[in-house]
Amino acid sequence: NKILKDLKKEFCCNGTVVQDPELGQVIQLQGDQRKNV
């Protein structure tokens, strides 16, 4: 949640943390933020 908060503030996008049964916790961000992340 702290990482998500910093990412959202840094890149001006929305996002959430999703709990996946196979992958565990996954951070989702809106837009193509691959290089930024």
ModelCIF file with pLDDT and N, C-alpha, C, O atoms, coordinates in Angstrom:
data_MODEL
#
_entry.id   MODEL 
#
_entity.id                         1 
_entity.type                       polymer 
_entity.pdbx_number_of_molecules   1 
#
_entity_poly.entity_id                      1 
_entity_poly.type                           'polypeptide(L)' 
_entity_poly.nstd_linkage                   no 
_entity_poly.nstd_monomer                   no 
_entity_poly.pdbx_seq_one_letter_code       NKILKDLKKEFCCNGTVVQDPELGQVIQLQGDQRKNV 
_entity_poly.pdbx_seq_one_letter_code_can   NKILKDLKKEFCCNGTVVQDPELGQVIQLQGDQRKNV 
_entity_poly.pdbx_strand_id                 A 
#
loop_
_entity_poly_seq.entity_id 
_entity_poly_seq.num 
_entity_poly_seq.mon_id 
_entity_poly_seq.hetero 
1 1  ASN n 
1 2  LYS n 
1 3  ILE n 
1 4  LEU n 
1 5  LYS n 
1 6  ASP n 
1 7  LEU n 
1 8  LYS n 
1 9  LYS n 
1 10 GLU n 
1 11 PHE n 
1 12 CYS n 
1 13 CYS n 
1 14 ASN n 
1 15 GLY n 
1 16 THR n 
1 17 VAL n 
1 18 VAL n 
1 19 GLN n 
1 20 ASP n 
1 21 PRO n 
1 22 GLU n 
1 23 LEU n 
1 24 GLY n 
1 25 GLN n 
1 26 VAL n 
1 27 ILE n 
1 28 GLN n 
1 29 LEU n 
1 30 GLN n 
1 31 GLY n 
1 32 ASP n 
1 33 GLN n 
1 34 ARG n 
1 35 LYS n 
1 36 ASN n 
1 37 VAL n 
#
_struct_asym.id          A 
_struct_asym.entity_id   1 
#
loop_
_ma_qa_metric.id 
_ma_qa_metric.mode 
_ma_qa_metric.name 
_ma_qa_metric.software_group_id 
_ma_qa_metric.type 
1 global pLDDT . pLDDT 
2 local  pLDDT . pLDDT 
#
_ma_qa_metric_global.metric_id      1 
_ma_qa_metric_global.metric_value   94.49 
_ma_qa_metric_global.model_id       1 
_ma_qa_metric_global.ordinal_id     1 
#
loop_
_ma_qa_metric_local.label_asym_id 
_ma_qa_metric_local.label_comp_id 
_ma_qa_metric_local.label_seq_id 
_ma_qa_metric_local.metric_id 
_ma_qa_metric_local.metric_value 
_ma_qa_metric_local.model_id 
_ma_qa_metric_local.ordinal_id 
A ASN 1  2 94.00 1 1  
A LYS 2  2 95.00 1 2  
A ILE 3  2 94.00 1 3  
A LEU 4  2 95.00 1 4  
A LYS 5  2 96.00 1 5  
A ASP 6  2 95.00 1 6  
A LEU 7  2 95.00 1 7  
A LYS 8  2 95.00 1 8  
A LYS 9  2 96.00 1 9  
A GLU 10 2 94.00 1 10 
A PHE 11 2 95.00 1 11 
A CYS 12 2 95.00 1 12 
A CYS 13 2 95.00 1 13 
A ASN 14 2 96.00 1 14 
A GLY 15 2 96.00 1 15 
A THR 16 2 97.00 1 16 
A VAL 17 2 96.00 1 17 
A VAL 18 2 96.00 1 18 
A GLN 19 2 94.00 1 19 
A ASP 20 2 90.00 1 20 
A PRO 21 2 91.00 1 21 
A GLU 22 2 89.00 1 22 
A LEU 23 2 88.00 1 23 
A GLY 24 2 90.00 1 24 
A GLN 25 2 93.00 1 25 
A VAL 26 2 95.00 1 26 
A ILE 27 2 96.00 1 27 
A GLN 28 2 96.00 1 28 
A LEU 29 2 97.00 1 29 
A GLN 30 2 96.00 1 30 
A GLY 31 2 95.00 1 31 
A ASP 32 2 95.00 1 32 
A GLN 33 2 95.00 1 33 
A ARG 34 2 95.00 1 34 
A LYS 35 2 95.00 1 35 
A ASN 36 2 95.00 1 36 
A VAL 37 2 96.00 1 37 
#
loop_
_atom_site.group_PDB 
_atom_site.id 
_atom_site.type_symbol 
_atom_site.label_atom_id 
_atom_site.label_alt_id 
_atom_site.label_comp_id 
_atom_site.label_asym_id 
_atom_site.label_entity_id 
_atom_site.label_seq_id 
_atom_site.pdbx_PDB_ins_code 
_atom_site.Cartn_x 
_atom_site.Cartn_y 
_atom_site.Cartn_z 
_atom_site.occupancy 
_atom_site.B_iso_or_equiv 
_atom_site.pdbx_formal_charge 
_atom_site.auth_seq_id 
_atom_site.auth_comp_id 
_atom_site.auth_asym_id 
_atom_site.auth_atom_id 
_atom_site.pdbx_PDB_model_num 
ATOM 1   N N  . ASN A 1 1  ? 0.820  -1.214  0.000   1.00 94.00 ? 1  ASN A N  1 
ATOM 2   C CA . ASN A 1 1  ? 0.000  0.000   0.000   1.00 94.00 ? 1  ASN A CA 1 
ATOM 3   C C  . ASN A 1 1  ? 0.854  1.264   0.000   1.00 94.00 ? 1  ASN A C  1 
ATOM 4   O O  . ASN A 1 1  ? 0.486  2.252   -0.635  1.00 94.00 ? 1  ASN A O  1 
ATOM 5   N N  . LYS A 1 2  ? 1.989  1.248   0.703   1.00 95.00 ? 2  LYS A N  1 
ATOM 6   C CA . LYS A 1 2  ? 2.880  2.420   0.701   1.00 95.00 ? 2  LYS A CA 1 
ATOM 7   C C  . LYS A 1 2  ? 3.549  2.591   -0.663  1.00 95.00 ? 2  LYS A C  1 
ATOM 8   O O  . LYS A 1 2  ? 3.701  3.711   -1.153  1.00 95.00 ? 2  LYS A O  1 
ATOM 9   N N  . ILE A 1 3  ? 3.949  1.470   -1.271  1.00 94.00 ? 3  ILE A N  1 
ATOM 10  C CA . ILE A 1 3  ? 4.549  1.538   -2.610  1.00 94.00 ? 3  ILE A CA 1 
ATOM 11  C C  . ILE A 1 3  ? 3.532  2.068   -3.604  1.00 94.00 ? 3  ILE A C  1 
ATOM 12  O O  . ILE A 1 3  ? 3.860  2.908   -4.441  1.00 94.00 ? 3  ILE A O  1 
ATOM 13  N N  . LEU A 1 4  ? 2.290  1.581   -3.517  1.00 95.00 ? 4  LEU A N  1 
ATOM 14  C CA . LEU A 1 4  ? 1.233  2.033   -4.409  1.00 95.00 ? 4  LEU A CA 1 
ATOM 15  C C  . LEU A 1 4  ? 0.971  3.526   -4.236  1.00 95.00 ? 4  LEU A C  1 
ATOM 16  O O  . LEU A 1 4  ? 0.799  4.246   -5.219  1.00 95.00 ? 4  LEU A O  1 
ATOM 17  N N  . LYS A 1 5  ? 0.943  3.985   -3.003  1.00 96.00 ? 5  LYS A N  1 
ATOM 18  C CA . LYS A 1 5  ? 0.712  5.409   -2.739  1.00 96.00 ? 5  LYS A CA 1 
ATOM 19  C C  . LYS A 1 5  ? 1.806  6.264   -3.370  1.00 96.00 ? 5  LYS A C  1 
ATOM 20  O O  . LYS A 1 5  ? 1.514  7.297   -3.972  1.00 96.00 ? 5  LYS A O  1 
ATOM 21  N N  . ASP A 1 6  ? 3.061  5.842   -3.237  1.00 95.00 ? 6  ASP A N  1 
ATOM 22  C CA . ASP A 1 6  ? 4.175  6.591   -3.839  1.00 95.00 ? 6  ASP A CA 1 
ATOM 23  C C  . ASP A 1 6  ? 4.120  6.546   -5.360  1.00 95.00 ? 6  ASP A C  1 
ATOM 24  O O  . ASP A 1 6  ? 4.387  7.553   -6.017  1.00 95.00 ? 6  ASP A O  1 
ATOM 25  N N  . LEU A 1 7  ? 3.774  5.376   -5.936  1.00 95.00 ? 7  LEU A N  1 
ATOM 26  C CA . LEU A 1 7  ? 3.677  5.260   -7.391  1.00 95.00 ? 7  LEU A CA 1 
ATOM 27  C C  . LEU A 1 7  ? 2.570  6.157   -7.936  1.00 95.00 ? 7  LEU A C  1 
ATOM 28  O O  . LEU A 1 7  ? 2.760  6.827   -8.951  1.00 95.00 ? 7  LEU A O  1 
ATOM 29  N N  . LYS A 1 8  ? 1.422  6.176   -7.275  1.00 95.00 ? 8  LYS A N  1 
ATOM 30  C CA . LYS A 1 8  ? 0.300  6.992   -7.729  1.00 95.00 ? 8  LYS A CA 1 
ATOM 31  C C  . LYS A 1 8  ? 0.646  8.478   -7.679  1.00 95.00 ? 8  LYS A C  1 
ATOM 32  O O  . LYS A 1 8  ? 0.295  9.238   -8.582  1.00 95.00 ? 8  LYS A O  1 
ATOM 33  N N  . LYS A 1 9  ? 1.334  8.881   -6.620  1.00 96.00 ? 9  LYS A N  1 
ATOM 34  C CA . LYS A 1 9  ? 1.700  10.293  -6.483  1.00 96.00 ? 9  LYS A CA 1 
ATOM 35  C C  . LYS A 1 9  ? 2.788  10.675  -7.490  1.00 96.00 ? 9  LYS A C  1 
ATOM 36  O O  . LYS A 1 9  ? 2.757  11.767  -8.059  1.00 96.00 ? 9  LYS A O  1 
ATOM 37  N N  . GLU A 1 10 ? 3.734  9.787   -7.702  1.00 94.00 ? 10 GLU A N  1 
ATOM 38  C CA . GLU A 1 10 ? 4.863  10.068  -8.600  1.00 94.00 ? 10 GLU A CA 1 
ATOM 39  C C  . GLU A 1 10 ? 4.424  10.161  -10.062 1.00 94.00 ? 10 GLU A C  1 
ATOM 40  O O  . GLU A 1 10 ? 4.884  11.040  -10.789 1.00 94.00 ? 10 GLU A O  1 
ATOM 41  N N  . PHE A 1 11 ? 3.535  9.257   -10.498 1.00 95.00 ? 11 PHE A N  1 
ATOM 42  C CA . PHE A 1 11 ? 3.195  9.170   -11.922 1.00 95.00 ? 11 PHE A CA 1 
ATOM 43  C C  . PHE A 1 11 ? 1.815  9.718   -12.263 1.00 95.00 ? 11 PHE A C  1 
ATOM 44  O O  . PHE A 1 11 ? 1.372  9.610   -13.406 1.00 95.00 ? 11 PHE A O  1 
ATOM 45  N N  . CYS A 1 12 ? 1.132  10.302  -11.287 1.00 95.00 ? 12 CYS A N  1 
ATOM 46  C CA . CYS A 1 12 ? -0.189 10.913  -11.510 1.00 95.00 ? 12 CYS A CA 1 
ATOM 47  C C  . CYS A 1 12 ? -1.157 9.943   -12.190 1.00 95.00 ? 12 CYS A C  1 
ATOM 48  O O  . CYS A 1 12 ? -1.742 10.255  -13.227 1.00 95.00 ? 12 CYS A O  1 
ATOM 49  N N  . CYS A 1 13 ? -1.312 8.777   -11.596 1.00 95.00 ? 13 CYS A N  1 
ATOM 50  C CA . CYS A 1 13 ? -2.238 7.785   -12.135 1.00 95.00 ? 13 CYS A CA 1 
ATOM 51  C C  . CYS A 1 13 ? -2.950 7.116   -10.972 1.00 95.00 ? 13 CYS A C  1 
ATOM 52  O O  . CYS A 1 13 ? -2.535 7.257   -9.822  1.00 95.00 ? 13 CYS A O  1 
ATOM 53  N N  . ASN A 1 14 ? -4.001 6.402   -11.262 1.00 96.00 ? 14 ASN A N  1 
ATOM 54  C CA . ASN A 1 14 ? -4.722 5.676   -10.235 1.00 96.00 ? 14 ASN A CA 1 
ATOM 55  C C  . ASN A 1 14 ? -4.235 4.231   -10.209 1.00 96.00 ? 14 ASN A C  1 
ATOM 56  O O  . ASN A 1 14 ? -3.639 3.756   -11.176 1.00 96.00 ? 14 ASN A O  1 
ATOM 57  N N  . GLY A 1 15 ? -4.488 3.534   -9.101  1.00 96.00 ? 15 GLY A N  1 
ATOM 58  C CA . GLY A 1 15 ? -4.057 2.155   -9.003  1.00 96.00 ? 15 GLY A CA 1 
ATOM 59  C C  . GLY A 1 15 ? -4.663 1.475   -7.805  1.00 96.00 ? 15 GLY A C  1 
ATOM 60  O O  . GLY A 1 15 ? -5.333 2.103   -6.984  1.00 96.00 ? 15 GLY A O  1 
ATOM 61  N N  . THR A 1 16 ? -4.418 0.169   -7.712  1.00 97.00 ? 16 THR A N  1 
ATOM 62  C CA . THR A 1 16 ? -4.948 -0.631  -6.615  1.00 97.00 ? 16 THR A CA 1 
ATOM 63  C C  . THR A 1 16 ? -4.051 -1.838  -6.388  1.00 97.00 ? 16 THR A C  1 
ATOM 64  O O  . THR A 1 16 ? -3.244 -2.209  -7.240  1.00 97.00 ? 16 THR A O  1 
ATOM 65  N N  . VAL A 1 17 ? -4.217 -2.449  -5.199  1.00 96.00 ? 17 VAL A N  1 
ATOM 66  C CA . VAL A 1 17 ? -3.533 -3.702  -4.887  1.00 96.00 ? 17 VAL A CA 1 
ATOM 67  C C  . VAL A 1 17 ? -4.580 -4.804  -4.931  1.00 96.00 ? 17 VAL A C  1 
ATOM 68  O O  . VAL A 1 17 ? -5.594 -4.735  -4.237  1.00 96.00 ? 17 VAL A O  1 
ATOM 69  N N  . VAL A 1 18 ? -4.331 -5.823  -5.751  1.00 96.00 ? 18 VAL A N  1 
ATOM 70  C CA . VAL A 1 18 ? -5.281 -6.921  -5.956  1.00 96.00 ? 18 VAL A CA 1 
ATOM 71  C C  . VAL A 1 18 ? -4.678 -8.194  -5.372  1.00 96.00 ? 18 VAL A C  1 
ATOM 72  O O  . VAL A 1 18 ? -3.498 -8.478  -5.575  1.00 96.00 ? 18 VAL A O  1 
ATOM 73  N N  . GLN A 1 19 ? -5.489 -8.954  -4.649  1.00 94.00 ? 19 GLN A N  1 
ATOM 74  C CA . GLN A 1 19 ? -5.050 -10.241 -4.104  1.00 94.00 ? 19 GLN A CA 1 
ATOM 75  C C  . GLN A 1 19 ? -5.430 -11.344 -5.085  1.00 94.00 ? 19 GLN A C  1 
ATOM 76  O O  . GLN A 1 19 ? -6.614 -11.605 -5.302  1.00 94.00 ? 19 GLN A O  1 
ATOM 77  N N  . ASP A 1 20 ? -4.425 -11.993 -5.680  1.00 90.00 ? 20 ASP A N  1 
ATOM 78  C CA . ASP A 1 20 ? -4.652 -13.076 -6.636  1.00 90.00 ? 20 ASP A CA 1 
ATOM 79  C C  . ASP A 1 20 ? -4.317 -14.402 -5.963  1.00 90.00 ? 20 ASP A C  1 
ATOM 80  O O  . ASP A 1 20 ? -3.307 -14.489 -5.265  1.00 90.00 ? 20 ASP A O  1 
ATOM 81  N N  . PRO A 1 21 ? -5.140 -15.441 -6.153  1.00 91.00 ? 21 PRO A N  1 
ATOM 82  C CA . PRO A 1 21 ? -4.861 -16.718 -5.479  1.00 91.00 ? 21 PRO A CA 1 
ATOM 83  C C  . PRO A 1 21 ? -3.562 -17.383 -5.937  1.00 91.00 ? 21 PRO A C  1 
ATOM 84  O O  . PRO A 1 21 ? -2.905 -18.047 -5.135  1.00 91.00 ? 21 PRO A O  1 
ATOM 85  N N  . GLU A 1 22 ? -3.179 -17.223 -7.194  1.00 89.00 ? 22 GLU A N  1 
ATOM 86  C CA . GLU A 1 22 ? -1.955 -17.850 -7.705  1.00 89.00 ? 22 GLU A CA 1 
ATOM 87  C C  . GLU A 1 22 ? -0.734 -16.957 -7.534  1.00 89.00 ? 22 GLU A C  1 
ATOM 88  O O  . GLU A 1 22 ? 0.337  -17.434 -7.159  1.00 89.00 ? 22 GLU A O  1 
ATOM 89  N N  . LEU A 1 23 ? -0.888 -15.665 -7.806  1.00 88.00 ? 23 LEU A N  1 
ATOM 90  C CA . LEU A 1 23 ? 0.253  -14.762 -7.859  1.00 88.00 ? 23 LEU A CA 1 
ATOM 91  C C  . LEU A 1 23 ? 0.487  -13.984 -6.573  1.00 88.00 ? 23 LEU A C  1 
ATOM 92  O O  . LEU A 1 23 ? 1.521  -13.330 -6.436  1.00 88.00 ? 23 LEU A O  1 
ATOM 93  N N  . GLY A 1 24 ? -0.437 -14.037 -5.635  1.00 90.00 ? 24 GLY A N  1 
ATOM 94  C CA . GLY A 1 24 ? -0.300 -13.257 -4.412  1.00 90.00 ? 24 GLY A CA 1 
ATOM 95  C C  . GLY A 1 24 ? -0.786 -11.837 -4.646  1.00 90.00 ? 24 GLY A C  1 
ATOM 96  O O  . GLY A 1 24 ? -1.736 -11.613 -5.397  1.00 90.00 ? 24 GLY A O  1 
ATOM 97  N N  . GLN A 1 25 ? -0.133 -10.879 -4.003  1.00 93.00 ? 25 GLN A N  1 
ATOM 98  C CA . GLN A 1 25 ? -0.535 -9.491  -4.169  1.00 93.00 ? 25 GLN A CA 1 
ATOM 99  C C  . GLN A 1 25 ? 0.077  -8.915  -5.446  1.00 93.00 ? 25 GLN A C  1 
ATOM 100 O O  . GLN A 1 25 ? 1.261  -9.100  -5.727  1.00 93.00 ? 25 GLN A O  1 
ATOM 101 N N  . VAL A 1 26 ? -0.765 -8.211  -6.213  1.00 95.00 ? 26 VAL A N  1 
ATOM 102 C CA . VAL A 1 26 ? -0.355 -7.613  -7.469  1.00 95.00 ? 26 VAL A CA 1 
ATOM 103 C C  . VAL A 1 26 ? -0.761 -6.149  -7.449  1.00 95.00 ? 26 VAL A C  1 
ATOM 104 O O  . VAL A 1 26 ? -1.896 -5.822  -7.101  1.00 95.00 ? 26 VAL A O  1 
ATOM 105 N N  . ILE A 1 27 ? 0.159  -5.267  -7.820  1.00 96.00 ? 27 ILE A N  1 
ATOM 106 C CA . ILE A 1 27 ? -0.143 -3.843  -7.928  1.00 96.00 ? 27 ILE A CA 1 
ATOM 107 C C  . ILE A 1 27 ? -0.599 -3.569  -9.351  1.00 96.00 ? 27 ILE A C  1 
ATOM 108 O O  . ILE A 1 27 ? 0.075  -3.954  -10.306 1.00 96.00 ? 27 ILE A O  1 
ATOM 109 N N  . GLN A 1 28 ? -1.744 -2.904  -9.497  1.00 96.00 ? 28 GLN A N  1 
ATOM 110 C CA . GLN A 1 28 ? -2.259 -2.517  -10.810 1.00 96.00 ? 28 GLN A CA 1 
ATOM 111 C C  . GLN A 1 28 ? -2.261 -1.003  -10.909 1.00 96.00 ? 28 GLN A C  1 
ATOM 112 O O  . GLN A 1 28 ? -2.726 -0.317  -9.999  1.00 96.00 ? 28 GLN A O  1 
ATOM 113 N N  . LEU A 1 29 ? -1.740 -0.480  -12.016 1.00 97.00 ? 29 LEU A N  1 
ATOM 114 C CA . LEU A 1 29 ? -1.716 0.956   -12.274 1.00 97.00 ? 29 LEU A CA 1 
ATOM 115 C C  . LEU A 1 29 ? -2.380 1.238   -13.614 1.00 97.00 ? 29 LEU A C  1 
ATOM 116 O O  . LEU A 1 29 ? -2.309 0.421   -14.533 1.00 97.00 ? 29 LEU A O  1 
ATOM 117 N N  . GLN A 1 30 ? -3.026 2.394   -13.725 1.00 96.00 ? 30 GLN A N  1 
ATOM 118 C CA . GLN A 1 30 ? -3.641 2.779   -14.987 1.00 96.00 ? 30 GLN A CA 1 
ATOM 119 C C  . GLN A 1 30 ? -2.579 3.289   -15.947 1.00 96.00 ? 30 GLN A C  1 
ATOM 120 O O  . GLN A 1 30 ? -1.675 4.027   -15.556 1.00 96.00 ? 30 GLN A O  1 
ATOM 121 N N  . GLY A 1 31 ? -2.699 2.889   -17.199 1.00 95.00 ? 31 GLY A N  1 
ATOM 122 C CA . GLY A 1 31 ? -1.803 3.370   -18.245 1.00 95.00 ? 31 GLY A CA 1 
ATOM 123 C C  . GLY A 1 31 ? -0.551 2.517   -18.376 1.00 95.00 ? 31 GLY A C  1 
ATOM 124 O O  . GLY A 1 31 ? -0.345 1.562   -17.626 1.00 95.00 ? 31 GLY A O  1 
ATOM 125 N N  . ASP A 1 32 ? 0.277  2.880   -19.343 1.00 95.00 ? 32 ASP A N  1 
ATOM 126 C CA . ASP A 1 32 ? 1.535  2.174   -19.594 1.00 95.00 ? 32 ASP A CA 1 
ATOM 127 C C  . ASP A 1 32 ? 2.622  2.828   -18.750 1.00 95.00 ? 32 ASP A C  1 
ATOM 128 O O  . ASP A 1 32 ? 3.204  3.837   -19.147 1.00 95.00 ? 32 ASP A O  1 
ATOM 129 N N  . GLN A 1 33 ? 2.889  2.255   -17.599 1.00 95.00 ? 33 GLN A N  1 
ATOM 130 C CA . GLN A 1 33 ? 3.855  2.810   -16.654 1.00 95.00 ? 33 GLN A CA 1 
ATOM 131 C C  . GLN A 1 33 ? 5.070  1.894   -16.487 1.00 95.00 ? 33 GLN A C  1 
ATOM 132 O O  . GLN A 1 33 ? 5.752  1.966   -15.465 1.00 95.00 ? 33 GLN A O  1 
ATOM 133 N N  . ARG A 1 34 ? 5.352  1.042   -17.463 1.00 95.00 ? 34 ARG A N  1 
ATOM 134 C CA . ARG A 1 34 ? 6.411  0.042   -17.308 1.00 95.00 ? 34 ARG A CA 1 
ATOM 135 C C  . ARG A 1 34 ? 7.776  0.663   -17.062 1.00 95.00 ? 34 ARG A C  1 
ATOM 136 O O  . ARG A 1 34 ? 8.463  0.277   -16.116 1.00 95.00 ? 34 ARG A O  1 
ATOM 137 N N  . LYS A 1 35 ? 8.180  1.607   -17.883 1.00 95.00 ? 35 LYS A N  1 
ATOM 138 C CA . LYS A 1 35 ? 9.500  2.223   -17.713 1.00 95.00 ? 35 LYS A CA 1 
ATOM 139 C C  . LYS A 1 35 ? 9.568  3.051   -16.440 1.00 95.00 ? 35 LYS A C  1 
ATOM 140 O O  . LYS A 1 35 ? 10.591 3.069   -15.755 1.00 95.00 ? 35 LYS A O  1 
ATOM 141 N N  . ASN A 1 36 ? 8.480  3.734   -16.129 1.00 95.00 ? 36 ASN A N  1 
ATOM 142 C CA . ASN A 1 36 ? 8.447  4.546   -14.918 1.00 95.00 ? 36 ASN A CA 1 
ATOM 143 C C  . ASN A 1 36 ? 8.577  3.684   -13.668 1.00 95.00 ? 36 ASN A C  1 
ATOM 144 O O  . ASN A 1 36 ? 9.344  4.013   -12.763 1.00 95.00 ? 36 ASN A O  1 
ATOM 145 N N  . VAL A 1 37 ? 7.831  2.579   -13.614 1.00 96.00 ? 37 VAL A N  1 
ATOM 146 C CA . VAL A 1 37 ? 7.878  1.699   -12.454 1.00 96.00 ? 37 VAL A CA 1 
ATOM 147 C C  . VAL A 1 37 ? 9.250  1.054   -12.339 1.00 96.00 ? 37 VAL A C  1 
ATOM 148 O O  . VAL A 1 37 ? 9.490  0.273   -11.418 1.00 96.00 ? 37 VAL A O  1 
#
